[in-house]
Amino acid sequence: MLFRTIAILVASAVLIGTAAPVVAAAPTEFVITPNGSSGKTETAIPSLRTVKKTIATYYGDPGTGIADKKTSPYIDEMTTLLDAQTAKLPGIYEKAVAAGEKPAIVFDVDDTTLLTYDMEVGAYDYDFDRATKNRWIRQAKFAAVPGMVAYVEAAASAGFEIFGLTGRGIDTKKATLRNLEKVGFTQFSSDKFYTKRDRSYVTCAKAKCTTVEYKAYTRKHIEKLGYDIALTVGDQWSDLKGGYSDRTLKLPNPLYFLSSPNLPGVRQGYLRPRTEFTMERDGSSGLSEGGEGIPNHDAVVAMIRVAKKN
């Protein structure tokens, strides 16, 4: 999160300062690495303003900082994705039970079950503010991610045990569970809901756990309780890496990128972000590219920062 905050501040300074941002004149094709390293070599640097406009188009935001909750390319993509995934649930469950396992599904929170767009864009325009986020959490202001209430309900009805696993702190646990219930999630219980500082069962390589360590070792802990994690669902690649899950489901999120290295010795090459993009300067790519096909805001910020240094 520190990397993200620094990157956003630097990019903001680029945009409002006297120096013009490094923006290619016409190209719509870009190579964008999550850590911004492509800024050293690529001459085509996307405009952050265009990225924001493209993301707004994807979420059906007319410019108010509020996502459309009824119709948008994001909702369409989530509907198609979750319809296909819901159809797979009975088969996954039956296979696990036939193998003598007790199948469970682990869900992340932010932008997996609860939508942060209205806060991320409307409340602080991508410039992360912890006090604002804590206020939103306390006030249970987050809407449900489109289609996820029905999907979690279908998973529970199929027989899966439902677990929550979030990077939010333990002091937010009650408020988060209240928010989940408020928007229709009734399957999450306190004893099966894990927060980042509630981790006496996790031993990390350093004093501070990385996201992947915390989430992977929590899944390991859940499996030690007798469950088999048949599926992990998250919007960040770091939600899914590290193993201790038979399957993973990545949900689209071009709003931010939370990096974290995989566990030592674990290779999961398929769990990595896209780096090649096509983006029109009028923001219309948000209508057609899908969430993974839109340049991630934080990756673009990092790329601009690196480009300015070289």
Protein backbone atom coordinates (compact mmCIF):
# COMPACT_ATOMS: atom_id res chain seq x y z
CA MET A 1 0.00 0.00 0.00
CA LEU A 2 2.93 2.34 0.66
CA PHE A 3 4.16 1.76 -2.90
CA ARG A 4 0.72 2.53 -4.18
CA THR A 5 0.38 5.76 -2.19
CA ILE A 6 3.82 7.03 -3.25
CA ALA A 7 3.16 6.19 -6.88
CA ILE A 8 -0.16 8.01 -6.90
CA LEU A 9 1.32 11.11 -5.27
CA VAL A 10 4.17 11.25 -7.78
CA ALA A 11 1.88 10.77 -10.75
CA SER A 12 -0.49 13.42 -9.42
CA ALA A 13 2.42 15.83 -9.17
CA VAL A 14 3.29 15.08 -12.78
CA LEU A 15 -0.23 15.87 -13.87
CA ILE A 16 -0.66 19.14 -11.98
CA GLY A 17 2.91 20.42 -12.03
CA THR A 18 4.59 22.57 -14.62
CA ALA A 19 6.15 19.66 -16.50
CA ALA A 20 3.88 18.01 -19.06
CA PRO A 21 3.28 14.27 -18.63
CA VAL A 22 5.04 11.95 -21.04
CA VAL A 23 2.24 10.98 -23.43
CA ALA A 24 2.60 9.52 -26.90
CA ALA A 25 0.92 11.53 -29.64
CA ALA A 26 -1.33 8.91 -31.16
CA PRO A 27 -0.68 5.23 -30.41
CA THR A 28 -3.42 3.20 -28.76
CA GLU A 29 -1.30 0.12 -28.06
CA PHE A 30 0.71 -0.06 -24.86
CA VAL A 31 2.96 -2.41 -22.92
CA ILE A 32 2.34 -1.78 -19.23
CA THR A 33 3.99 -3.79 -16.48
CA PRO A 34 2.44 -3.67 -12.99
CA ASN A 35 5.58 -2.26 -11.38
CA GLY A 36 5.97 0.42 -14.05
CA SER A 37 9.26 -0.95 -15.37
CA SER A 38 8.01 -0.68 -18.96
CA GLY A 39 8.31 3.09 -18.50
CA LYS A 40 12.08 2.65 -18.99
CA THR A 41 11.76 1.24 -22.50
CA GLU A 42 8.36 2.07 -23.98
CA THR A 43 7.83 5.29 -25.92
CA ALA A 44 4.05 4.95 -25.80
CA ILE A 45 2.98 6.15 -22.36
CA PRO A 46 -0.78 6.19 -21.71
CA SER A 47 -2.50 9.31 -20.43
CA LEU A 48 -3.72 8.85 -16.88
CA ARG A 49 -6.73 10.99 -17.75
CA THR A 50 -7.65 8.59 -20.55
CA VAL A 51 -7.19 5.60 -18.27
CA LYS A 52 -9.57 7.12 -15.73
CA LYS A 53 -12.11 7.87 -18.45
CA THR A 54 -11.87 4.31 -19.77
CA ILE A 55 -12.38 2.87 -16.29
CA ALA A 56 -15.35 5.19 -15.72
CA THR A 57 -16.90 3.98 -18.98
CA TYR A 58 -16.43 0.37 -17.90
CA TYR A 59 -18.25 0.97 -14.60
CA GLY A 60 -20.98 3.10 -16.18
CA ASP A 61 -19.87 6.21 -14.31
CA PRO A 62 -21.11 9.34 -16.15
CA GLY A 63 -18.50 11.49 -14.42
CA THR A 64 -19.98 11.64 -10.93
CA GLY A 65 -17.59 9.13 -9.36
CA ILE A 66 -20.50 6.72 -8.82
CA ALA A 67 -20.76 3.39 -10.63
CA ASP A 68 -24.04 2.51 -12.33
CA LYS A 69 -25.63 -0.25 -10.24
CA LYS A 70 -28.08 -1.38 -12.93
CA THR A 71 -26.28 -1.50 -16.26
CA SER A 72 -22.65 -1.19 -17.37
CA PRO A 73 -19.97 -3.16 -19.22
CA TYR A 74 -18.68 -4.23 -15.78
CA ILE A 75 -22.08 -5.65 -14.82
CA ASP A 76 -22.35 -7.40 -18.19
CA GLU A 77 -18.93 -8.99 -17.77
CA MET A 78 -19.64 -10.08 -14.20
CA THR A 79 -22.98 -11.58 -15.27
CA THR A 80 -21.39 -13.64 -18.04
CA LEU A 81 -18.50 -14.72 -15.83
CA LEU A 82 -20.61 -15.70 -12.83
CA ASP A 83 -23.28 -17.48 -14.86
CA ALA A 84 -20.57 -19.76 -16.25
CA GLN A 85 -18.97 -20.25 -12.83
CA THR A 86 -22.30 -20.97 -11.11
CA ALA A 87 -22.98 -23.78 -13.57
CA LYS A 88 -19.70 -25.44 -12.53
CA LEU A 89 -20.40 -25.44 -8.78
CA PRO A 90 -22.39 -28.71 -8.50
CA GLY A 91 -19.76 -30.68 -10.42
CA ILE A 92 -16.91 -29.29 -8.33
CA TYR A 93 -18.77 -30.10 -5.13
CA GLU A 94 -19.68 -33.63 -6.16
CA LYS A 95 -16.11 -34.39 -7.22
CA ALA A 96 -14.75 -33.18 -3.88
CA VAL A 97 -17.27 -35.17 -1.85
CA ALA A 98 -16.60 -38.30 -3.91
CA ALA A 99 -12.92 -37.92 -2.96
CA GLY A 100 -13.88 -37.82 0.72
CA GLU A 101 -13.27 -34.09 1.08
CA LYS A 102 -15.21 -31.32 2.81
CA PRO A 103 -15.24 -28.61 0.12
CA ALA A 104 -15.03 -24.91 0.90
CA ILE A 105 -14.78 -21.67 -1.08
CA VAL A 106 -12.75 -18.68 0.14
CA PHE A 107 -13.85 -15.17 -0.83
CA ASP A 108 -11.91 -11.92 -0.63
CA VAL A 109 -13.87 -8.77 0.34
CA ASP A 110 -12.92 -5.52 -1.42
CA ASP A 111 -14.05 -5.70 -5.06
CA THR A 112 -14.81 -9.38 -4.68
CA THR A 113 -17.91 -9.19 -2.50
CA LEU A 114 -18.08 -5.46 -1.69
CA LEU A 115 -17.64 -2.82 -4.41
CA THR A 116 -15.19 0.02 -3.67
CA TYR A 117 -15.62 2.09 -6.87
CA ASP A 118 -17.76 4.82 -5.30
CA MET A 119 -15.18 5.31 -2.56
CA GLU A 120 -12.09 4.82 -4.73
CA VAL A 121 -13.25 7.29 -7.39
CA GLY A 122 -16.07 9.34 -5.88
CA ALA A 123 -14.67 9.82 -2.38
CA TYR A 124 -10.96 10.32 -3.04
CA ASP A 125 -10.31 10.05 -6.79
CA TYR A 126 -7.79 7.18 -6.50
CA ASP A 127 -5.69 9.06 -3.94
CA PHE A 128 -5.95 6.49 -1.14
CA ASP A 129 -6.96 7.91 2.22
CA ARG A 130 -7.05 5.47 5.14
CA ALA A 131 -9.30 7.66 7.28
CA THR A 132 -11.88 7.84 4.50
CA LYS A 133 -11.79 4.10 3.95
CA ASN A 134 -12.14 3.41 7.67
CA ARG A 135 -15.16 5.71 7.78
CA TRP A 136 -16.77 3.89 4.85
CA ILE A 137 -16.12 0.57 6.58
CA ARG A 138 -17.57 1.73 9.90
CA GLN A 139 -20.65 3.13 8.15
CA ALA A 140 -21.10 -0.04 6.03
CA LYS A 141 -21.38 2.09 2.88
CA PHE A 142 -20.20 -0.42 0.28
CA ALA A 143 -22.57 -1.91 -2.28
CA ALA A 144 -22.34 -5.54 -3.31
CA VAL A 145 -20.20 -6.52 -6.27
CA PRO A 146 -22.65 -7.24 -9.13
CA GLY A 147 -23.85 -10.83 -9.16
CA MET A 148 -21.84 -11.94 -6.15
CA VAL A 149 -24.74 -12.20 -3.68
CA ALA A 150 -26.41 -14.75 -5.94
CA TYR A 151 -23.14 -16.54 -6.61
CA VAL A 152 -22.25 -16.95 -2.92
CA GLU A 153 -25.79 -18.11 -2.24
CA ALA A 154 -25.50 -20.68 -5.04
CA ALA A 155 -22.20 -21.91 -3.62
CA ALA A 156 -23.69 -22.33 -0.15
CA SER A 157 -26.78 -24.04 -1.57
CA ALA A 158 -24.56 -26.45 -3.46
CA GLY A 159 -23.04 -27.47 -0.12
CA PHE A 160 -19.78 -25.52 0.07
CA GLU A 161 -18.59 -24.05 3.36
CA ILE A 162 -18.16 -20.30 2.89
CA PHE A 163 -15.09 -18.48 4.22
CA GLY A 164 -14.11 -14.82 4.08
CA LEU A 165 -10.46 -13.76 3.87
CA THR A 166 -9.66 -10.05 3.76
CA GLY A 167 -6.71 -7.72 4.07
CA ARG A 168 -8.83 -5.47 6.26
CA GLY A 169 -7.74 -5.25 9.91
CA ILE A 170 -9.27 -7.19 12.76
CA ASP A 171 -10.80 -3.98 14.13
CA THR A 172 -13.01 -3.81 11.01
CA LYS A 173 -14.33 -7.36 11.26
CA LYS A 174 -17.72 -6.61 12.84
CA ALA A 175 -18.38 -3.65 10.56
CA THR A 176 -17.41 -5.64 7.47
CA LEU A 177 -19.69 -8.53 8.41
CA ARG A 178 -22.48 -6.01 9.04
CA ASN A 179 -21.94 -4.49 5.59
CA LEU A 180 -21.96 -7.92 3.94
CA GLU A 181 -25.25 -8.82 5.62
CA LYS A 182 -26.72 -5.40 4.81
CA VAL A 183 -26.28 -5.93 1.05
CA GLY A 184 -27.55 -9.51 1.05
CA PHE A 185 -24.67 -11.81 1.99
CA THR A 186 -26.03 -14.08 4.75
CA GLN A 187 -23.50 -16.91 4.45
CA PHE A 188 -20.49 -15.30 6.17
CA SER A 189 -20.08 -16.08 9.87
CA SER A 190 -17.58 -14.59 12.30
CA ASP A 191 -15.83 -17.91 12.96
CA LYS A 192 -15.18 -18.43 9.24
CA PHE A 193 -14.12 -14.88 8.47
CA TYR A 194 -10.41 -14.01 8.66
CA THR A 195 -8.86 -10.54 8.90
CA LYS A 196 -5.22 -9.61 8.46
CA ARG A 197 -4.17 -9.16 12.08
CA ASP A 198 -6.09 -12.19 13.31
CA ARG A 199 -3.32 -14.59 12.29
CA SER A 200 -1.72 -16.34 15.22
CA TYR A 201 -1.78 -19.44 13.01
CA VAL A 202 0.44 -17.79 10.35
CA THR A 203 4.24 -17.87 10.45
CA CYS A 204 5.88 -15.62 7.85
CA ALA A 205 9.46 -15.33 6.65
CA LYS A 206 9.69 -11.81 8.10
CA ALA A 207 8.00 -9.97 10.95
CA LYS A 208 5.42 -8.57 8.55
CA CYS A 209 3.49 -10.96 6.32
CA THR A 210 3.15 -10.21 2.64
CA THR A 211 -0.38 -10.41 1.22
CA VAL A 212 0.37 -13.74 -0.42
CA GLU A 213 1.87 -15.18 2.76
CA TYR A 214 -1.06 -14.08 4.87
CA LYS A 215 -3.71 -15.35 2.47
CA ALA A 216 -1.96 -18.57 1.42
CA TYR A 217 -1.11 -19.57 4.98
CA THR A 218 -4.64 -18.76 6.12
CA ARG A 219 -5.93 -21.12 3.45
CA LYS A 220 -3.44 -23.70 4.73
CA HIS A 221 -4.84 -23.18 8.23
CA ILE A 222 -8.41 -23.69 6.93
CA GLU A 223 -7.40 -26.93 5.27
CA LYS A 224 -5.81 -28.10 8.53
CA LEU A 225 -9.23 -27.64 10.11
CA GLY A 226 -10.47 -30.41 7.83
CA TYR A 227 -11.69 -28.52 4.78
CA ASP A 228 -10.54 -28.75 1.19
CA ILE A 229 -10.48 -25.35 -0.48
CA ALA A 230 -12.00 -26.15 -3.82
CA LEU A 231 -11.93 -22.53 -5.01
CA THR A 232 -10.51 -19.15 -4.04
CA VAL A 233 -12.19 -16.02 -5.43
CA GLY A 234 -10.46 -12.63 -5.53
CA ASP A 235 -9.94 -9.49 -7.59
CA GLN A 236 -6.14 -9.26 -7.04
CA TRP A 237 -3.57 -11.76 -8.22
CA SER A 238 -2.11 -11.65 -4.73
CA ASP A 239 -5.45 -12.95 -3.41
CA LEU A 240 -4.96 -16.12 -5.43
CA LYS A 241 -1.25 -16.95 -5.35
CA GLY A 242 0.54 -19.26 -2.94
CA GLY A 243 -1.40 -22.47 -3.40
CA TYR A 244 -3.63 -24.25 -0.86
CA SER A 245 -6.56 -24.00 -3.26
CA ASP A 246 -7.62 -26.41 -6.00
CA ARG A 247 -8.90 -23.63 -8.26
CA THR A 248 -8.87 -19.84 -8.49
CA LEU A 249 -11.30 -17.32 -9.90
CA LYS A 250 -9.97 -13.85 -10.78
CA LEU A 251 -12.55 -11.07 -10.89
CA PRO A 252 -11.91 -7.93 -12.98
CA ASN A 253 -10.57 -4.82 -11.23
CA PRO A 254 -8.74 -2.08 -13.17
CA LEU A 255 -9.00 0.36 -10.22
CA TYR A 256 -5.85 -0.61 -8.31
CA PHE A 257 -3.10 -3.20 -8.12
CA LEU A 258 -1.84 -4.70 -4.86
CA SER A 259 1.40 -6.52 -5.55
CA SER A 260 2.96 -9.28 -3.47
CA PRO A 261 5.55 -11.94 -4.37
CA ASN A 262 4.52 -15.56 -4.54
CA LEU A 263 5.66 -17.98 -1.86
CA PRO A 264 9.26 -19.21 -2.33
CA GLY A 265 9.35 -22.22 -4.59
CA VAL A 266 5.76 -21.84 -5.77
CA ARG A 267 5.33 -21.35 -9.52
CA GLN A 268 1.95 -20.23 -10.81
CA GLY A 269 2.67 -18.53 -14.10
CA TYR A 270 -1.00 -18.31 -14.99
CA LEU A 271 -1.62 -16.00 -12.01
CA ARG A 272 -0.11 -12.86 -13.47
CA PRO A 273 -1.53 -9.63 -14.88
CA ARG A 274 -1.85 -8.80 -18.52
CA THR A 275 0.78 -6.41 -19.91
CA GLU A 276 -0.39 -5.63 -23.47
CA PHE A 277 -3.31 -3.27 -24.00
CA THR A 278 -5.22 -1.38 -26.65
CA MET A 279 -6.85 1.82 -25.45
CA GLU A 280 -8.67 4.53 -27.37
CA ARG A 281 -8.14 8.09 -26.19
CA ASP A 282 -11.87 8.87 -25.91
CA GLY A 283 -12.41 6.23 -23.22
CA SER A 284 -14.55 4.03 -25.47
CA SER A 285 -12.35 1.00 -24.84
CA GLY A 286 -14.21 0.65 -21.56
CA LEU A 287 -17.21 -0.52 -23.55
CA SER A 288 -15.47 -3.50 -25.12
CA GLU A 289 -12.15 -4.50 -23.56
CA GLY A 290 -13.28 -6.03 -20.28
CA GLY A 291 -11.72 -5.40 -16.88
CA GLU A 292 -8.49 -7.27 -17.55
CA GLY A 293 -8.14 -5.53 -20.91
CA ILE A 294 -8.19 -2.03 -19.40
CA PRO A 295 -4.82 -0.67 -18.21
CA ASN A 296 -4.79 -0.87 -14.42
CA HIS A 297 -4.77 2.61 -12.88
CA ASP A 298 -1.94 1.90 -10.43
CA ALA A 299 0.22 0.23 -13.09
CA VAL A 300 -0.12 3.30 -15.31
CA VAL A 301 0.76 5.57 -12.39
CA ALA A 302 3.88 3.48 -11.77
CA MET A 303 4.80 3.55 -15.48
CA ILE A 304 4.52 7.35 -15.62
CA ARG A 305 6.66 7.65 -12.51
CA VAL A 306 9.40 5.43 -13.98
CA ALA A 307 9.25 7.22 -17.35
CA LYS A 308 9.80 10.60 -15.68
CA LYS A 309 12.95 9.29 -14.03
CA ASN A 310 14.47 8.06 -17.31
